[in-house]
Structure formats: structure tokens, C-alpha cells
PDB file of N, CA and C in Angstrom:
ATOM      1  N   MET A   1       0.844  -1.167   0.000  1.00  0.00           N
ATOM      2  CA  MET A   1       0.000   0.000   0.000  1.00  0.00           C
ATOM      3  C   MET A   1       0.893   1.235   0.000  1.00  0.00           C
ATOM      4  N   SER A   2       0.482   2.251  -0.710  1.00  0.00           N
ATOM      5  CA  SER A   2       1.209   3.514  -0.662  1.00  0.00           C
ATOM      6  C   SER A   2       0.222   4.668  -0.534  1.00  0.00           C
ATOM      7  N   VAL A   3       0.670   5.707   0.136  1.00  0.00           N
ATOM      8  CA  VAL A   3      -0.133   6.910   0.333  1.00  0.00           C
ATOM      9  C   VAL A   3       0.755   8.125   0.086  1.00  0.00           C
ATOM     10  N   ASN A   4       0.129   9.259  -0.189  1.00  0.00           N
ATOM     11  CA  ASN A   4       0.910  10.483  -0.334  1.00  0.00           C
ATOM     12  C   ASN A   4       1.094  11.117   1.048  1.00  0.00           C
ATOM     13  N   PRO A   5       2.035  12.050   1.194  1.00  0.00           N
ATOM     14  CA  PRO A   5       2.303  12.639   2.504  1.00  0.00           C
ATOM     15  C   PRO A   5       1.089  13.310   3.151  1.00  0.00           C
ATOM     16  N   THR A   6       0.258  13.961   2.363  1.00  0.00           N
ATOM     17  CA  THR A   6      -0.923  14.623   2.920  1.00  0.00           C
ATOM     18  C   THR A   6      -1.865  13.605   3.540  1.00  0.00           C
ATOM     19  N   ASN A   7      -2.114  12.514   2.818  1.00  0.00           N
ATOM     20  CA  ASN A   7      -2.974  11.448   3.322  1.00  0.00           C
ATOM     21  C   ASN A   7      -2.360  10.816   4.573  1.00  0.00           C
ATOM     22  N   ALA A   8      -1.041  10.605   4.542  1.00  0.00           N
ATOM     23  CA  ALA A   8      -0.364  10.015   5.700  1.00  0.00           C
ATOM     24  C   ALA A   8      -0.511  10.906   6.927  1.00  0.00           C
ATOM     25  N   LYS A   9      -0.360  12.209   6.733  1.00  0.00           N
ATOM     26  CA  LYS A   9      -0.490  13.154   7.847  1.00  0.00           C
ATOM     27  C   LYS A   9      -1.904  13.132   8.422  1.00  0.00           C
ATOM     28  N   GLN A  10      -2.887  13.113   7.557  1.00  0.00           N
ATOM     29  CA  GLN A  10      -4.284  13.135   7.995  1.00  0.00           C
ATOM     30  C   GLN A  10      -4.700  11.843   8.693  1.00  0.00           C
ATOM     31  N   ASN A  11      -4.076  10.735   8.323  1.00  0.00           N
ATOM     32  CA  ASN A  11      -4.489   9.422   8.833  1.00  0.00           C
ATOM     33  C   ASN A  11      -3.374   8.701   9.585  1.00  0.00           C
ATOM     34  N   LEU A  12      -2.452   9.449  10.160  1.00  0.00           N
ATOM     35  CA  LEU A  12      -1.273   8.836  10.771  1.00  0.00           C
ATOM     36  C   LEU A  12      -1.626   7.790  11.826  1.00  0.00           C
ATOM     37  N   TYR A  13      -2.521   8.105  12.741  1.00  0.00           N
ATOM     38  CA  TYR A  13      -2.876   7.148  13.788  1.00  0.00           C
ATOM     39  C   TYR A  13      -3.410   5.853  13.182  1.00  0.00           C
ATOM     40  N   GLN A  14      -4.289   5.960  12.206  1.00  0.00           N
ATOM     41  CA  GLN A  14      -4.872   4.781  11.568  1.00  0.00           C
ATOM     42  C   GLN A  14      -3.801   3.968  10.833  1.00  0.00           C
ATOM     43  N   LEU A  15      -2.861   4.648  10.191  1.00  0.00           N
ATOM     44  CA  LEU A  15      -1.788   3.950   9.478  1.00  0.00           C
ATOM     45  C   LEU A  15      -0.876   3.211  10.454  1.00  0.00           C
ATOM     46  N   ILE A  16      -0.563   3.848  11.575  1.00  0.00           N
ATOM     47  CA  ILE A  16       0.248   3.178  12.599  1.00  0.00           C
ATOM     48  C   ILE A  16      -0.472   1.938  13.114  1.00  0.00           C
ATOM     49  N   LYS A  17      -1.743   2.072  13.374  1.00  0.00           N
ATOM     50  CA  LYS A  17      -2.551   0.936  13.837  1.00  0.00           C
ATOM     51  C   LYS A  17      -2.539  -0.181  12.786  1.00  0.00           C
ATOM     52  N   GLN A  18      -2.668   0.185  11.519  1.00  0.00           N
ATOM     53  CA  GLN A  18      -2.720  -0.800  10.437  1.00  0.00           C
ATOM     54  C   GLN A  18      -1.417  -1.579  10.305  1.00  0.00           C
ATOM     55  N   VAL A  19      -0.270  -0.898  10.331  1.00  0.00           N
ATOM     56  CA  VAL A  19       0.993  -1.623  10.172  1.00  0.00           C
ATOM     57  C   VAL A  19       1.247  -2.555  11.348  1.00  0.00           C
ATOM     58  N   ASN A  20       0.745  -2.199  12.524  1.00  0.00           N
ATOM     59  CA  ASN A  20       0.915  -3.074  13.682  1.00  0.00           C
ATOM     60  C   ASN A  20      -0.034  -4.261  13.659  1.00  0.00           C
ATOM     61  N   GLU A  21      -1.271  -4.043  13.273  1.00  0.00           N
ATOM     62  CA  GLU A  21      -2.255  -5.127  13.255  1.00  0.00           C
ATOM     63  C   GLU A  21      -2.051  -6.078  12.083  1.00  0.00           C
ATOM     64  N   ASP A  22      -1.719  -5.541  10.913  1.00  0.00           N
ATOM     65  CA  ASP A  22      -1.599  -6.357   9.706  1.00  0.00           C
ATOM     66  C   ASP A  22      -0.184  -6.846   9.449  1.00  0.00           C
ATOM     67  N   ASP A  23       0.768  -6.420  10.278  1.00  0.00           N
ATOM     68  CA  ASP A  23       2.176  -6.780  10.089  1.00  0.00           C
ATOM     69  C   ASP A  23       2.606  -6.506   8.647  1.00  0.00           C
ATOM     70  N   THR A  24       2.369  -5.283   8.213  1.00  0.00           N
ATOM     71  CA  THR A  24       2.655  -4.874   6.846  1.00  0.00           C
ATOM     72  C   THR A  24       3.416  -3.558   6.868  1.00  0.00           C
ATOM     73  N   SER A  25       3.759  -3.049   5.716  1.00  0.00           N
ATOM     74  CA  SER A  25       4.404  -1.745   5.625  1.00  0.00           C
ATOM     75  C   SER A  25       3.590  -0.854   4.696  1.00  0.00           C
ATOM     76  N   ILE A  26       3.754   0.443   4.868  1.00  0.00           N
ATOM     77  CA  ILE A  26       3.059   1.408   4.026  1.00  0.00           C
ATOM     78  C   ILE A  26       4.092   2.378   3.475  1.00  0.00           C
ATOM     79  N   GLU A  27       4.121   2.505   2.169  1.00  0.00           N
ATOM     80  CA  GLU A  27       5.046   3.424   1.518  1.00  0.00           C
ATOM     81  C   GLU A  27       4.399   4.803   1.423  1.00  0.00           C
ATOM     82  N   ILE A  28       5.134   5.810   1.835  1.00  0.00           N
ATOM     83  CA  ILE A  28       4.671   7.192   1.727  1.00  0.00           C
ATOM     84  C   ILE A  28       5.464   7.818   0.589  1.00  0.00           C
ATOM     85  N   THR A  29       4.787   8.067  -0.523  1.00  0.00           N
ATOM     86  CA  THR A  29       5.467   8.538  -1.727  1.00  0.00           C
ATOM     87  C   THR A  29       5.216  10.023  -1.943  1.00  0.00           C
ATOM     88  N   ALA A  30       6.223  10.675  -2.480  1.00  0.00           N
ATOM     89  CA  ALA A  30       6.125  12.117  -2.719  1.00  0.00           C
ATOM     90  C   ALA A  30       6.183  12.426  -4.209  1.00  0.00           C
ATOM     91  N   GLY A  31       5.561  11.604  -5.010  1.00  0.00           N
ATOM     92  CA  GLY A  31       5.512  11.845  -6.452  1.00  0.00           C
ATOM     93  C   GLY A  31       6.557  11.072  -7.225  1.00  0.00           C
ATOM     94  N   LYS A  32       7.829  11.291  -6.942  1.00  0.00           N
ATOM     95  CA  LYS A  32       8.905  10.572  -7.623  1.00  0.00           C
ATOM     96  C   LYS A  32       9.105   9.221  -6.952  1.00  0.00           C
ATOM     97  N   SER A  33       9.459   8.225  -7.744  1.00  0.00           N
ATOM     98  CA  SER A  33       9.579   6.872  -7.199  1.00  0.00           C
ATOM     99  C   SER A  33      10.727   6.732  -6.205  1.00  0.00           C
ATOM    100  N   ASP A  34      11.735   7.583  -6.290  1.00  0.00           N
ATOM    101  CA  ASP A  34      12.876   7.455  -5.390  1.00  0.00           C
ATOM    102  C   ASP A  34      12.815   8.412  -4.195  1.00  0.00           C
ATOM    103  N   VAL A  35      11.690   9.106  -4.042  1.00  0.00           N
ATOM    104  CA  VAL A  35      11.525  10.031  -2.922  1.00  0.00           C
ATOM    105  C   VAL A  35      10.363   9.541  -2.068  1.00  0.00           C
ATOM    106  N   GLY A  36      10.624   9.304  -0.808  1.00  0.00           N
ATOM    107  CA  GLY A  36       9.552   8.858   0.063  1.00  0.00           C
ATOM    108  C   GLY A  36      10.087   8.222   1.322  1.00  0.00           C
ATOM    109  N   ALA A  37       9.217   7.499   1.986  1.00  0.00           N
ATOM    110  CA  ALA A  37       9.555   6.833   3.236  1.00  0.00           C
ATOM    111  C   ALA A  37       8.678   5.596   3.372  1.00  0.00           C
ATOM    112  N   VAL A  38       9.021   4.766   4.342  1.00  0.00           N
ATOM    113  CA  VAL A  38       8.240   3.559   4.592  1.00  0.00           C
ATOM    114  C   VAL A  38       7.876   3.521   6.072  1.00  0.00           C
ATOM    115  N   LEU A  39       6.620   3.283   6.353  1.00  0.00           N
ATOM    116  CA  LEU A  39       6.127   3.164   7.721  1.00  0.00           C
ATOM    117  C   LEU A  39       6.011   1.680   8.057  1.00  0.00           C
ATOM    118  N   VAL A  40       6.718   1.257   9.097  1.00  0.00           N
ATOM    119  CA  VAL A  40       6.658  -0.134   9.559  1.00  0.00           C
ATOM    120  C   VAL A  40       6.414  -0.134  11.065  1.00  0.00           C
ATOM    121  N   SER A  41       5.978  -1.260  11.570  1.00  0.00           N
ATOM    122  CA  SER A  41       5.754  -1.377  13.012  1.00  0.00           C
ATOM    123  C   SER A  41       7.091  -1.369  13.748  1.00  0.00           C
ATOM    124  N   LYS A  42       7.052  -1.057  15.018  1.00  0.00           N
ATOM    125  CA  LYS A  42       8.269  -1.084  15.836  1.00  0.00           C
ATOM    126  C   LYS A  42       8.845  -2.488  15.875  1.00  0.00           C
ATOM    127  N   ARG A  43       7.982  -3.481  15.965  1.00  0.00           N
ATOM    128  CA  ARG A  43       8.428  -4.879  15.978  1.00  0.00           C
ATOM    129  C   ARG A  43       9.206  -5.212  14.705  1.00  0.00           C
ATOM    130  N   GLU A  44       8.676  -4.781  13.552  1.00  0.00           N
ATOM    131  CA  GLU A  44       9.348  -5.030  12.273  1.00  0.00           C
ATOM    132  C   GLU A  44      10.667  -4.265  12.200  1.00  0.00           C
ATOM    133  N   TRP A  45      10.667  -3.022  12.659  1.00  0.00           N
ATOM    134  CA  TRP A  45      11.888  -2.218  12.642  1.00  0.00           C
ATOM    135  C   TRP A  45      12.973  -2.859  13.508  1.00  0.00           C
ATOM    136  N   ASP A  46      12.595  -3.344  14.692  1.00  0.00           N
ATOM    137  CA  ASP A  46      13.553  -4.016  15.566  1.00  0.00           C
ATOM    138  C   ASP A  46      14.126  -5.259  14.892  1.00  0.00           C
ATOM    139  N   ALA A  47      13.284  -6.017  14.197  1.00  0.00           N
ATOM    140  CA  ALA A  47      13.743  -7.216  13.488  1.00  0.00           C
ATOM    141  C   ALA A  47      14.709  -6.846  12.365  1.00  0.00           C
ATOM    142  N   ILE A  48      14.415  -5.788  11.643  1.00  0.00           N
ATOM    143  CA  ILE A  48      15.308  -5.321  10.573  1.00  0.00           C
ATOM    144  C   ILE A  48      16.659  -4.918  11.161  1.00  0.00           C
ATOM    145  N   GLN A  49      16.630  -4.163  12.251  1.00  0.00           N
ATOM    146  CA  GLN A  49      17.869  -3.716  12.884  1.00  0.00           C
ATOM    147  C   GLN A  49      18.698  -4.905  13.379  1.00  0.00           C
ATOM    148  N   GLU A  50      18.043  -5.895  13.961  1.00  0.00           N
ATOM    149  CA  GLU A  50      18.754  -7.075  14.446  1.00  0.00           C
ATOM    150  C   GLU A  50      19.392  -7.839  13.291  1.00  0.00           C
ATOM    151  N   THR A  51      18.649  -8.006  12.210  1.00  0.00           N
ATOM    152  CA  THR A  51      19.182  -8.701  11.038  1.00  0.00           C
ATOM    153  C   THR A  51      20.387  -7.965  10.469  1.00  0.00           C
ATOM    154  N   LEU A  52      20.291  -6.651  10.354  1.00  0.00           N
ATOM    155  CA  LEU A  52      21.419  -5.861   9.851  1.00  0.00           C
ATOM    156  C   LEU A  52      22.633  -5.986  10.764  1.00  0.00           C
ATOM    157  N   TYR A  53      22.412  -5.943  12.060  1.00  0.00           N
ATOM    158  CA  TYR A  53      23.518  -6.081  13.004  1.00  0.00           C
ATOM    159  C   TYR A  53      24.192  -7.442  12.852  1.00  0.00           C
ATOM    160  N   LEU A  54      23.382  -8.491  12.826  1.00  0.00           N
ATOM    161  CA  LEU A  54      23.945  -9.836  12.700  1.00  0.00           C
ATOM    162  C   LEU A  54      24.694  -9.999  11.386  1.00  0.00           C
ATOM    163  N   HIS A  55      24.154  -9.446  10.324  1.00  0.00           N
ATOM    164  CA  HIS A  55      24.808  -9.533   9.017  1.00  0.00           C
ATOM    165  C   HIS A  55      26.125  -8.768   9.025  1.00  0.00           C
ATOM    166  N   ASN A  56      26.105  -7.544   9.521  1.00  0.00           N
ATOM    167  CA  ASN A  56      27.309  -6.712   9.532  1.00  0.00           C
ATOM    168  C   ASN A  56      28.375  -7.247  10.473  1.00  0.00           C
ATOM    169  N   ALA A  57      27.984  -7.892  11.530  1.00  0.00           N
ATOM    170  CA  ALA A  57      28.935  -8.442  12.487  1.00  0.00           C
ATOM    171  C   ALA A  57      29.486  -9.790  12.027  1.00  0.00           C
ATOM    172  N   GLY A  58      28.979 -10.313  10.918  1.00  0.00           N
ATOM    173  CA  GLY A  58      29.446 -11.594  10.406  1.00  0.00           C
ATOM    174  C   GLY A  58      28.835 -12.790  11.108  1.00  0.00           C
ATOM    175  N   VAL A  59      27.908 -12.566  11.986  1.00  0.00           N
ATOM    176  CA  VAL A  59      27.304 -13.653  12.756  1.00  0.00           C
ATOM    177  C   VAL A  59      26.537 -14.605  11.851  1.00  0.00           C
ATOM    178  N   LEU A  60      25.787 -14.075  10.896  1.00  0.00           N
ATOM    179  CA  LEU A  60      24.999 -14.945  10.013  1.00  0.00           C
ATOM    180  C   LEU A  60      25.899 -15.875   9.212  1.00  0.00           C
ATOM    181  N   GLU A  61      27.028 -15.365   8.730  1.00  0.00           N
ATOM    182  CA  GLU A  61      27.956 -16.216   7.971  1.00  0.00           C
ATOM    183  C   GLU A  61      28.527 -17.319   8.857  1.00  0.00           C
ATOM    184  N   ARG A  62      28.856 -16.987  10.093  1.00  0.00           N
ATOM    185  CA  ARG A  62      29.387 -18.004  11.009  1.00  0.00           C
ATOM    186  C   ARG A  62      28.341 -19.070  11.311  1.00  0.00           C
ATOM    187  N   ILE A  63      27.086 -18.664  11.460  1.00  0.00           N
ATOM    188  CA  ILE A  63      26.007 -19.628  11.700  1.00  0.00           C
ATOM    189  C   ILE A  63      25.849 -20.539  10.492  1.00  0.00           C
ATOM    190  N   LYS A  64      25.838 -19.971   9.291  1.00  0.00           N
ATOM    191  CA  LYS A  64      25.714 -20.783   8.076  1.00  0.00           C
ATOM    192  C   LYS A  64      26.877 -21.755   7.955  1.00  0.00           C
ATOM    193  N   ARG A  65      28.091 -21.281   8.238  1.00  0.00           N
ATOM    194  CA  ARG A  65      29.270 -22.147   8.154  1.00  0.00           C
ATOM    195  C   ARG A  65      29.165 -23.264   9.189  1.00  0.00           C
ATOM    196  N   PHE A  66      28.736 -22.945  10.396  1.00  0.00           N
ATOM    197  CA  PHE A  66      28.573 -23.940  11.445  1.00  0.00           C
ATOM    198  C   PHE A  66      27.548 -24.991  11.042  1.00  0.00           C
ATOM    199  N   GLU A  67      26.415 -24.549  10.491  1.00  0.00           N
ATOM    200  CA  GLU A  67      25.375 -25.488  10.063  1.00  0.00           C
ATOM    201  C   GLU A  67      25.884 -26.396   8.954  1.00  0.00           C
ATOM    202  N   THR A  68      26.650 -25.854   8.029  1.00  0.00           N
ATOM    203  CA  THR A  68      27.205 -26.655   6.938  1.00  0.00           C
ATOM    204  C   THR A  68      28.178 -27.690   7.481  1.00  0.00           C
ATOM    205  N   GLU A  69      29.061 -27.273   8.387  1.00  0.00           N
ATOM    206  CA  GLU A  69      30.027 -28.201   8.976  1.00  0.00           C
ATOM    207  C   GLU A  69      29.316 -29.295   9.761  1.00  0.00           C
ATOM    208  N   GLU A  70      28.271 -28.937  10.488  1.00  0.00           N
ATOM    209  CA  GLU A  70      27.519 -29.912  11.273  1.00  0.00           C
ATOM    210  C   GLU A  70      26.842 -30.927  10.354  1.00  0.00           C
ATOM    211  N   THR A  71      26.291 -30.473   9.239  1.00  0.00           N
ATOM    212  CA  THR A  71      25.649 -31.363   8.275  1.00  0.00           C
ATOM    213  C   THR A  71      26.672 -32.303   7.654  1.00  0.00           C
ATOM    214  N   GLU A  72      27.853 -31.783   7.329  1.00  0.00           N
ATOM    215  CA  GLU A  72      28.904 -32.621   6.752  1.00  0.00           C
ATOM    216  C   GLU A  72      29.352 -33.681   7.746  1.00  0.00           C
ATOM    217  N   ASP A  73      29.463 -33.313   9.033  1.00  0.00           N
ATOM    218  CA  ASP A  73      29.850 -34.277  10.059  1.00  0.00           C
ATOM    219  C   ASP A  73      28.835 -35.407  10.159  1.00  0.00           C
ATOM    220  N   LEU A  74      27.571 -35.108  10.060  1.00  0.00           N
ATOM    221  CA  LEU A  74      26.533 -36.131  10.139  1.00  0.00           C
ATOM    222  C   LEU A  74      26.581 -37.067   8.943  1.00  0.00           C
ATOM    223  N   SER A  75      26.927 -36.565   7.772  1.00  0.00           N
ATOM    224  CA  SER A  75      26.953 -37.413   6.584  1.00  0.00           C
ATOM    225  C   SER A  75      28.171 -38.324   6.573  1.00  0.00           C
ATOM    226  N   ASP A  76      29.199 -38.013   7.362  1.00  0.00           N
ATOM    227  CA  ASP A  76      30.394 -38.849   7.436  1.00  0.00           C
ATOM    228  C   ASP A  76      30.172 -40.093   8.285  1.00  0.00           C
ATOM    229  N   GLU A  77      29.160 -40.079   9.122  1.00  0.00           N
ATOM    230  CA  GLU A  77      28.937 -41.197  10.051  1.00  0.00           C
ATOM    231  C   GLU A  77      28.337 -42.383   9.374  1.00  0.00           C
TER     232      GLU A  77
END
């Protein structure tokens, strides 16, 4: 779903309620496709931040490598 800034301003409370209840995002567009913002729930934002942190810290790669090594060990038995 996308809305323009005027609509977003007029319906901000309802949009916040919607992204939290429907677990969705709402794009706020300002005419050009590359200008705008995205409204997401706090829960979704926290999940995005955690994923970015884990990715940037290399944790996800280490987990994938560990899972691969564990699978290889099981196939050797």
C-alpha cells in the first residue's frame, strides 16, 4: 500500500494501527519513485535492525558455516 504525505499526515494514527495489526508496511510517496519513506511497526523495525547487526557483524555467515560443517559431520557417520 502507498499513500501520499498529505494522506499520511491526515491518517497517521490509523496507518500506525494498520501496520501493527496487519504486520505490513506502508510506503509514503512524494511523487517521484525514489523520494519517500516507509512506515513499519516497531516490531518489524527491531527485526530489521537485528538482522542488519547480525549480518554486519558476520554472525549470520558463522552460523551458516557452522550449520554446513555440522551437516557434513553427520553425513560422514
